[in-house]
Amino acid sequence: GASHCFNFWSRMPSLAEQLERVGSLASSPRIVV
């Protein structure tokens, strides 16, 4: 029941790539960006 925190951070993949890799968000109770 936890979620991945999407982060615009210098050494992480782009937000778009993170969204693609996470895939479905249906099980996420909340999203933090």
PDB file of all heavy atoms in Angstrom:
ATOM      1  N   GLY A   1       0.786  -1.226   0.000  1.00  0.00           N
ATOM      2  CA  GLY A   1       0.000   0.000   0.000  1.00  0.00           C
ATOM      3  C   GLY A   1       0.815   1.272   0.000  1.00  0.00           C
ATOM      4  O   GLY A   1       0.306   2.340   0.374  1.00  0.00           O
ATOM      5  N   ALA A   2       2.073   1.183  -0.412  1.00  0.00           N
ATOM      6  CA  ALA A   2       2.917   2.372  -0.522  1.00  0.00           C
ATOM      7  C   ALA A   2       3.011   2.768  -1.993  1.00  0.00           C
ATOM      8  O   ALA A   2       2.586   2.025  -2.887  1.00  0.00           O
ATOM      9  CB  ALA A   2       4.311   2.095   0.039  1.00  0.00           C
ATOM     10  N   SER A   3       3.556   3.925  -2.261  1.00  0.00           N
ATOM     11  CA  SER A   3       3.678   4.384  -3.634  1.00  0.00           C
ATOM     12  C   SER A   3       5.075   4.917  -3.899  1.00  0.00           C
ATOM     13  O   SER A   3       5.784   5.333  -2.976  1.00  0.00           O
ATOM     14  CB  SER A   3       2.635   5.465  -3.938  1.00  0.00           C
ATOM     15  OG  SER A   3       2.778   6.561  -3.057  1.00  0.00           O
ATOM     16  N   HIS A   4       5.464   4.896  -5.152  1.00  0.00           N
ATOM     17  CA  HIS A   4       6.719   5.497  -5.572  1.00  0.00           C
ATOM     18  C   HIS A   4       6.555   7.009  -5.613  1.00  0.00           C
ATOM     19  O   HIS A   4       5.569   7.520  -6.159  1.00  0.00           O
ATOM     20  CB  HIS A   4       7.116   4.977  -6.951  1.00  0.00           C
ATOM     21  CG  HIS A   4       8.280   5.697  -7.554  1.00  0.00           C
ATOM     22  ND1 HIS A   4       9.568   5.568  -7.060  1.00  0.00           N
ATOM     23  CD2 HIS A   4       8.359   6.574  -8.602  1.00  0.00           C
ATOM     24  CE1 HIS A   4      10.386   6.329  -7.780  1.00  0.00           C
ATOM     25  NE2 HIS A   4       9.689   6.944  -8.713  1.00  0.00           N
ATOM     26  N   CYS A   5       7.484   7.739  -5.024  1.00  0.00           N
ATOM     27  CA  CYS A   5       7.478   9.202  -5.073  1.00  0.00           C
ATOM     28  C   CYS A   5       8.195   9.634  -6.354  1.00  0.00           C
ATOM     29  O   CYS A   5       9.400   9.413  -6.495  1.00  0.00           O
ATOM     30  CB  CYS A   5       8.171   9.779  -3.840  1.00  0.00           C
ATOM     31  SG  CYS A   5       8.292  11.576  -3.850  1.00  0.00           S
ATOM     32  N   PHE A   6       7.464  10.207  -7.271  1.00  0.00           N
ATOM     33  CA  PHE A   6       8.061  10.698  -8.513  1.00  0.00           C
ATOM     34  C   PHE A   6       8.912  11.918  -8.185  1.00  0.00           C
ATOM     35  O   PHE A   6       8.431  12.877  -7.571  1.00  0.00           O
ATOM     36  CB  PHE A   6       6.975  11.078  -9.508  1.00  0.00           C
ATOM     37  CG  PHE A   6       6.202   9.896 -10.028  1.00  0.00           C
ATOM     38  CD1 PHE A   6       5.084   9.432  -9.358  1.00  0.00           C
ATOM     39  CD2 PHE A   6       6.606   9.239 -11.181  1.00  0.00           C
ATOM     40  CE1 PHE A   6       4.370   8.346  -9.828  1.00  0.00           C
ATOM     41  CE2 PHE A   6       5.903   8.146 -11.663  1.00  0.00           C
ATOM     42  CZ  PHE A   6       4.789   7.694 -10.984  1.00  0.00           C
ATOM     43  N   ASN A   7      10.182  11.894  -8.591  1.00  0.00           N
ATOM     44  CA  ASN A   7      11.069  13.000  -8.245  1.00  0.00           C
ATOM     45  C   ASN A   7      11.845  13.517  -9.451  1.00  0.00           C
ATOM     46  O   ASN A   7      12.412  12.750 -10.217  1.00  0.00           O
ATOM     47  CB  ASN A   7      12.023  12.622  -7.107  1.00  0.00           C
ATOM     48  CG  ASN A   7      12.883  11.410  -7.412  1.00  0.00           C
ATOM     49  OD1 ASN A   7      12.603  10.630  -8.306  1.00  0.00           O
ATOM     50  ND2 ASN A   7      13.941  11.232  -6.649  1.00  0.00           N
ATOM     51  N   PHE A   8      11.801  14.818  -9.599  1.00  0.00           N
ATOM     52  CA  PHE A   8      12.621  15.530 -10.582  1.00  0.00           C
ATOM     53  C   PHE A   8      13.929  15.817  -9.876  1.00  0.00           C
ATOM     54  O   PHE A   8      14.058  16.767  -9.112  1.00  0.00           O
ATOM     55  CB  PHE A   8      11.905  16.830 -10.983  1.00  0.00           C
ATOM     56  CG  PHE A   8      12.619  17.642 -12.028  1.00  0.00           C
ATOM     57  CD1 PHE A   8      12.750  17.187 -13.330  1.00  0.00           C
ATOM     58  CD2 PHE A   8      13.128  18.894 -11.710  1.00  0.00           C
ATOM     59  CE1 PHE A   8      13.387  17.952 -14.295  1.00  0.00           C
ATOM     60  CE2 PHE A   8      13.767  19.667 -12.669  1.00  0.00           C
ATOM     61  CZ  PHE A   8      13.894  19.200 -13.963  1.00  0.00           C
ATOM     62  N   TRP A   9      14.894  14.939 -10.101  1.00  0.00           N
ATOM     63  CA  TRP A   9      16.150  14.955  -9.357  1.00  0.00           C
ATOM     64  C   TRP A   9      17.297  14.712 -10.324  1.00  0.00           C
ATOM     65  O   TRP A   9      17.182  13.930 -11.261  1.00  0.00           O
ATOM     66  CB  TRP A   9      16.134  13.890  -8.255  1.00  0.00           C
ATOM     67  CG  TRP A   9      17.408  13.773  -7.483  1.00  0.00           C
ATOM     68  CD1 TRP A   9      18.325  12.766  -7.568  1.00  0.00           C
ATOM     69  CD2 TRP A   9      17.927  14.696  -6.530  1.00  0.00           C
ATOM     70  NE1 TRP A   9      19.378  13.002  -6.717  1.00  0.00           N
ATOM     71  CE2 TRP A   9      19.160  14.190  -6.065  1.00  0.00           C
ATOM     72  CE3 TRP A   9      17.474  15.916  -6.015  1.00  0.00           C
ATOM     73  CZ2 TRP A   9      19.942  14.848  -5.126  1.00  0.00           C
ATOM     74  CZ3 TRP A   9      18.249  16.570  -5.071  1.00  0.00           C
ATOM     75  CH2 TRP A   9      19.466  16.031  -4.635  1.00  0.00           C
ATOM     76  N   SER A  10      18.410  15.356 -10.066  1.00  0.00           N
ATOM     77  CA  SER A  10      19.505  15.428 -11.028  1.00  0.00           C
ATOM     78  C   SER A  10      20.005  14.085 -11.528  1.00  0.00           C
ATOM     79  O   SER A  10      20.420  13.969 -12.680  1.00  0.00           O
ATOM     80  CB  SER A  10      20.669  16.225 -10.432  1.00  0.00           C
ATOM     81  OG  SER A  10      21.103  15.643  -9.209  1.00  0.00           O
ATOM     82  N   ARG A  11      19.978  13.041 -10.696  1.00  0.00           N
ATOM     83  CA  ARG A  11      20.556  11.759 -11.103  1.00  0.00           C
ATOM     84  C   ARG A  11      19.523  10.645 -11.186  1.00  0.00           C
ATOM     85  O   ARG A  11      19.864   9.469 -11.141  1.00  0.00           O
ATOM     86  CB  ARG A  11      21.688  11.374 -10.135  1.00  0.00           C
ATOM     87  CG  ARG A  11      22.882  12.319 -10.202  1.00  0.00           C
ATOM     88  CD  ARG A  11      24.020  11.898  -9.301  1.00  0.00           C
ATOM     89  NE  ARG A  11      23.653  11.897  -7.889  1.00  0.00           N
ATOM     90  CZ  ARG A  11      23.647  12.991  -7.130  1.00  0.00           C
ATOM     91  NH1 ARG A  11      23.972  14.164  -7.650  1.00  0.00           N
ATOM     92  NH2 ARG A  11      23.316  12.930  -5.852  1.00  0.00           N
ATOM     93  N   MET A  12      18.245  11.028 -11.296  1.00  0.00           N
ATOM     94  CA  MET A  12      17.195  10.030 -11.509  1.00  0.00           C
ATOM     95  C   MET A  12      16.649  10.141 -12.926  1.00  0.00           C
ATOM     96  O   MET A  12      16.821  11.164 -13.589  1.00  0.00           O
ATOM     97  CB  MET A  12      16.069  10.255 -10.498  1.00  0.00           C
ATOM     98  CG  MET A  12      16.360   9.691  -9.111  1.00  0.00           C
ATOM     99  SD  MET A  12      16.412   7.869  -9.066  1.00  0.00           S
ATOM    100  CE  MET A  12      14.663   7.461  -9.237  1.00  0.00           C
ATOM    101  N   PRO A  13      16.006   9.075 -13.412  1.00  0.00           N
ATOM    102  CA  PRO A  13      15.363   9.178 -14.728  1.00  0.00           C
ATOM    103  C   PRO A  13      14.331  10.305 -14.732  1.00  0.00           C
ATOM    104  O   PRO A  13      13.844  10.725 -13.673  1.00  0.00           O
ATOM    105  CB  PRO A  13      14.681   7.806 -14.890  1.00  0.00           C
ATOM    106  CG  PRO A  13      15.401   6.896 -13.953  1.00  0.00           C
ATOM    107  CD  PRO A  13      15.826   7.744 -12.803  1.00  0.00           C
ATOM    108  N   SER A  14      13.981  10.789 -15.898  1.00  0.00           N
ATOM    109  CA  SER A  14      12.983  11.854 -16.003  1.00  0.00           C
ATOM    110  C   SER A  14      11.654  11.402 -15.409  1.00  0.00           C
ATOM    111  O   SER A  14      11.392  10.199 -15.254  1.00  0.00           O
ATOM    112  CB  SER A  14      12.774  12.240 -17.467  1.00  0.00           C
ATOM    113  OG  SER A  14      12.120  11.188 -18.164  1.00  0.00           O
ATOM    114  N   LEU A  15      10.800  12.352 -15.109  1.00  0.00           N
ATOM    115  CA  LEU A  15       9.469  12.022 -14.595  1.00  0.00           C
ATOM    116  C   LEU A  15       8.702  11.168 -15.591  1.00  0.00           C
ATOM    117  O   LEU A  15       7.989  10.238 -15.201  1.00  0.00           O
ATOM    118  CB  LEU A  15       8.697  13.306 -14.291  1.00  0.00           C
ATOM    119  CG  LEU A  15       9.215  14.160 -13.139  1.00  0.00           C
ATOM    120  CD1 LEU A  15       8.475  15.490 -13.087  1.00  0.00           C
ATOM    121  CD2 LEU A  15       9.088  13.430 -11.802  1.00  0.00           C
ATOM    122  N   ALA A  16       8.870  11.467 -16.872  1.00  0.00           N
ATOM    123  CA  ALA A  16       8.175  10.686 -17.905  1.00  0.00           C
ATOM    124  C   ALA A  16       8.645   9.233 -17.892  1.00  0.00           C
ATOM    125  O   ALA A  16       7.835   8.303 -17.994  1.00  0.00           O
ATOM    126  CB  ALA A  16       8.401  11.318 -19.275  1.00  0.00           C
ATOM    127  N   GLU A  17       9.959   9.024 -17.751  1.00  0.00           N
ATOM    128  CA  GLU A  17      10.480   7.659 -17.717  1.00  0.00           C
ATOM    129  C   GLU A  17      10.037   6.943 -16.444  1.00  0.00           C
ATOM    130  O   GLU A  17       9.709   5.749 -16.474  1.00  0.00           O
ATOM    131  CB  GLU A  17      12.002   7.660 -17.810  1.00  0.00           C
ATOM    132  CG  GLU A  17      12.590   6.260 -17.866  1.00  0.00           C
ATOM    133  CD  GLU A  17      14.102   6.237 -18.013  1.00  0.00           C
ATOM    134  OE1 GLU A  17      14.688   7.264 -18.418  1.00  0.00           O
ATOM    135  OE2 GLU A  17      14.703   5.178 -17.718  1.00  0.00           O
ATOM    136  N   GLN A  18      10.010   7.654 -15.335  1.00  0.00           N
ATOM    137  CA  GLN A  18       9.534   7.037 -14.098  1.00  0.00           C
ATOM    138  C   GLN A  18       8.083   6.591 -14.243  1.00  0.00           C
ATOM    139  O   GLN A  18       7.710   5.490 -13.809  1.00  0.00           O
ATOM    140  CB  GLN A  18       9.676   8.009 -12.930  1.00  0.00           C
ATOM    141  CG  GLN A  18      11.118   8.269 -12.519  1.00  0.00           C
ATOM    142  CD  GLN A  18      11.228   9.256 -11.375  1.00  0.00           C
ATOM    143  OE1 GLN A  18      10.564   9.119 -10.349  1.00  0.00           O
ATOM    144  NE2 GLN A  18      12.084  10.261 -11.539  1.00  0.00           N
ATOM    145  N   LEU A  19       7.250   7.439 -14.854  1.00  0.00           N
ATOM    146  CA  LEU A  19       5.844   7.086 -15.044  1.00  0.00           C
ATOM    147  C   LEU A  19       5.716   5.849 -15.930  1.00  0.00           C
ATOM    148  O   LEU A  19       4.916   4.948 -15.650  1.00  0.00           O
ATOM    149  CB  LEU A  19       5.100   8.265 -15.655  1.00  0.00           C
ATOM    150  CG  LEU A  19       3.600   8.064 -15.909  1.00  0.00           C
ATOM    151  CD1 LEU A  19       2.863   7.751 -14.616  1.00  0.00           C
ATOM    152  CD2 LEU A  19       3.004   9.290 -16.593  1.00  0.00           C
ATOM    153  N   GLU A  20       6.509   5.786 -16.981  1.00  0.00           N
ATOM    154  CA  GLU A  20       6.462   4.629 -17.881  1.00  0.00           C
ATOM    155  C   GLU A  20       6.885   3.363 -17.153  1.00  0.00           C
ATOM    156  O   GLU A  20       6.259   2.300 -17.309  1.00  0.00           O
ATOM    157  CB  GLU A  20       7.374   4.878 -19.083  1.00  0.00           C
ATOM    158  CG  GLU A  20       7.387   3.741 -20.088  1.00  0.00           C
ATOM    159  CD  GLU A  20       8.287   4.018 -21.278  1.00  0.00           C
ATOM    160  OE1 GLU A  20       8.919   5.097 -21.322  1.00  0.00           O
ATOM    161  OE2 GLU A  20       8.368   3.147 -22.163  1.00  0.00           O
ATOM    162  N   ARG A  21       7.925   3.444 -16.315  1.00  0.00           N
ATOM    163  CA  ARG A  21       8.430   2.258 -15.626  1.00  0.00           C
ATOM    164  C   ARG A  21       7.502   1.817 -14.502  1.00  0.00           C
ATOM    165  O   ARG A  21       7.373   0.612 -14.237  1.00  0.00           O
ATOM    166  CB  ARG A  21       9.840   2.525 -15.104  1.00  0.00           C
ATOM    167  CG  ARG A  21      10.863   2.636 -16.234  1.00  0.00           C
ATOM    168  CD  ARG A  21      12.227   3.077 -15.775  1.00  0.00           C
ATOM    169  NE  ARG A  21      12.864   2.123 -14.873  1.00  0.00           N
ATOM    170  CZ  ARG A  21      14.093   2.262 -14.409  1.00  0.00           C
ATOM    171  NH1 ARG A  21      14.825   3.311 -14.763  1.00  0.00           N
ATOM    172  NH2 ARG A  21      14.604   1.346 -13.607  1.00  0.00           N
ATOM    173  N   VAL A  22       6.843   2.768 -13.850  1.00  0.00           N
ATOM    174  CA  VAL A  22       5.873   2.395 -12.805  1.00  0.00           C
ATOM    175  C   VAL A  22       4.683   1.687 -13.424  1.00  0.00           C
ATOM    176  O   VAL A  22       4.122   0.742 -12.854  1.00  0.00           O
ATOM    177  CB  VAL A  22       5.429   3.642 -12.021  1.00  0.00           C
ATOM    178  CG1 VAL A  22       4.226   3.326 -11.129  1.00  0.00           C
ATOM    179  CG2 VAL A  22       6.576   4.166 -11.155  1.00  0.00           C
ATOM    180  N   GLY A  23       4.262   2.133 -14.601  1.00  0.00           N
ATOM    181  CA  GLY A  23       3.137   1.497 -15.270  1.00  0.00           C
ATOM    182  C   GLY A  23       1.822   1.896 -14.636  1.00  0.00           C
ATOM    183  O   GLY A  23       1.587   3.065 -14.342  1.00  0.00           O
ATOM    184  N   SER A  24       0.976   0.931 -14.375  1.00  0.00           N
ATOM    185  CA  SER A  24      -0.342   1.218 -13.817  1.00  0.00           C
ATOM    186  C   SER A  24      -0.220   1.841 -12.428  1.00  0.00           C
ATOM    187  O   SER A  24       0.547   1.382 -11.581  1.00  0.00           O
ATOM    188  CB  SER A  24      -1.166  -0.061 -13.728  1.00  0.00           C
ATOM    189  OG  SER A  24      -2.386   0.182 -13.055  1.00  0.00           O
ATOM    190  N   LEU A  25      -1.006   2.895 -12.186  1.00  0.00           N
ATOM    191  CA  LEU A  25      -1.052   3.539 -10.871  1.00  0.00           C
ATOM    192  C   LEU A  25      -2.280   3.096 -10.078  1.00  0.00           C
ATOM    193  O   LEU A  25      -2.528   3.627  -8.996  1.00  0.00           O
ATOM    194  CB  LEU A  25      -1.090   5.068 -11.049  1.00  0.00           C
ATOM    195  CG  LEU A  25       0.100   5.698 -11.764  1.00  0.00           C
ATOM    196  CD1 LEU A  25      -0.152   7.194 -11.965  1.00  0.00           C
ATOM    197  CD2 LEU A  25       1.379   5.485 -10.967  1.00  0.00           C
ATOM    198  N   ALA A  26      -3.020   2.137 -10.598  1.00  0.00           N
ATOM    199  CA  ALA A  26      -4.314   1.784 -10.024  1.00  0.00           C
ATOM    200  C   ALA A  26      -4.233   1.368  -8.563  1.00  0.00           C
ATOM    201  O   ALA A  26      -5.177   1.576  -7.797  1.00  0.00           O
ATOM    202  CB  ALA A  26      -4.959   0.673 -10.853  1.00  0.00           C
ATOM    203  N   SER A  27      -3.103   0.791  -8.149  1.00  0.00           N
ATOM    204  CA  SER A  27      -2.989   0.324  -6.758  1.00  0.00           C
ATOM    205  C   SER A  27      -2.428   1.387  -5.825  1.00  0.00           C
ATOM    206  O   SER A  27      -2.271   1.129  -4.632  1.00  0.00           O
ATOM    207  CB  SER A  27      -2.099  -0.922  -6.704  1.00  0.00           C
ATOM    208  OG  SER A  27      -0.778  -0.607  -7.121  1.00  0.00           O
ATOM    209  N   SER A  28      -2.143   2.574  -6.345  1.00  0.00           N
ATOM    210  CA  SER A  28      -1.531   3.626  -5.524  1.00  0.00           C
ATOM    211  C   SER A  28      -2.610   4.404  -4.774  1.00  0.00           C
ATOM    212  O   SER A  28      -3.478   5.019  -5.401  1.00  0.00           O
ATOM    213  CB  SER A  28      -0.734   4.592  -6.403  1.00  0.00           C
ATOM    214  OG  SER A  28       0.296   3.929  -7.092  1.00  0.00           O
ATOM    215  N   PRO A  29      -2.570   4.415  -3.442  1.00  0.00           N
ATOM    216  CA  PRO A  29      -3.571   5.171  -2.687  1.00  0.00           C
ATOM    217  C   PRO A  29      -3.364   6.673  -2.768  1.00  0.00           C
ATOM    218  O   PRO A  29      -4.283   7.450  -2.537  1.00  0.00           O
ATOM    219  CB  PRO A  29      -3.383   4.667  -1.249  1.00  0.00           C
ATOM    220  CG  PRO A  29      -1.981   4.162  -1.198  1.00  0.00           C
ATOM    221  CD  PRO A  29      -1.663   3.655  -2.564  1.00  0.00           C
ATOM    222  N   ARG A  30      -2.123   7.083  -3.088  1.00  0.00           N
ATOM    223  CA  ARG A  30      -1.791   8.507  -3.235  1.00  0.00           C
ATOM    224  C   ARG A  30      -0.527   8.583  -4.087  1.00  0.00           C
ATOM    225  O   ARG A  30       0.232   7.623  -4.168  1.00  0.00           O
ATOM    226  CB  ARG A  30      -1.548   9.171  -1.881  1.00  0.00           C
ATOM    227  CG  ARG A  30      -0.251   8.756  -1.215  1.00  0.00           C
ATOM    228  CD  ARG A  30      -0.246   8.904   0.252  1.00  0.00           C
ATOM    229  NE  ARG A  30      -1.309   8.162   0.877  1.00  0.00           N
ATOM    230  CZ  ARG A  30      -1.298   6.835   1.092  1.00  0.00           C
ATOM    231  NH1 ARG A  30      -0.275   6.102   0.667  1.00  0.00           N
ATOM    232  NH2 ARG A  30      -2.305   6.243   1.677  1.00  0.00           N
ATOM    233  N   ILE A  31      -0.324   9.732  -4.685  1.00  0.00           N
ATOM    234  CA  ILE A  31       0.893   9.963  -5.455  1.00  0.00           C
ATOM    235  C   ILE A  31       1.524  11.266  -4.972  1.00  0.00           C
ATOM    236  O   ILE A  31       0.836  12.281  -4.810  1.00  0.00           O
ATOM    237  CB  ILE A  31       0.606  10.043  -6.970  1.00  0.00           C
ATOM    238  CG1 ILE A  31       0.223   8.673  -7.518  1.00  0.00           C
ATOM    239  CG2 ILE A  31       1.807  10.605  -7.726  1.00  0.00           C
ATOM    240  CD1 ILE A  31       1.327   7.627  -7.458  1.00  0.00           C
ATOM    241  N   VAL A  32       2.839  11.217  -4.752  1.00  0.00           N
ATOM    242  CA  VAL A  32       3.602  12.407  -4.403  1.00  0.00           C
ATOM    243  C   VAL A  32       4.600  12.669  -5.521  1.00  0.00           C
ATOM    244  O   VAL A  32       5.297  11.747  -5.971  1.00  0.00           O
ATOM    245  CB  VAL A  32       4.341  12.243  -3.055  1.00  0.00           C
ATOM    246  CG1 VAL A  32       5.182  13.485  -2.743  1.00  0.00           C
ATOM    247  CG2 VAL A  32       3.356  11.970  -1.931  1.00  0.00           C
ATOM    248  N   VAL A  33       4.654  13.911  -5.987  1.00  0.00           N
ATOM    249  CA  VAL A  33       5.614  14.339  -7.013  1.00  0.00           C
ATOM    250  C   VAL A  33       6.456  15.454  -6.407  1.00  0.00           C
ATOM    251  O   VAL A  33       5.911  16.460  -5.937  1.00  0.00           O
ATOM    252  CB  VAL A  33       4.895  14.865  -8.266  1.00  0.00           C
ATOM    253  CG1 VAL A  33       5.911  15.253  -9.340  1.00  0.00           C
ATOM    254  CG2 VAL A  33       3.908  13.841  -8.802  1.00  0.00           C
TER     255      VAL A  33
END
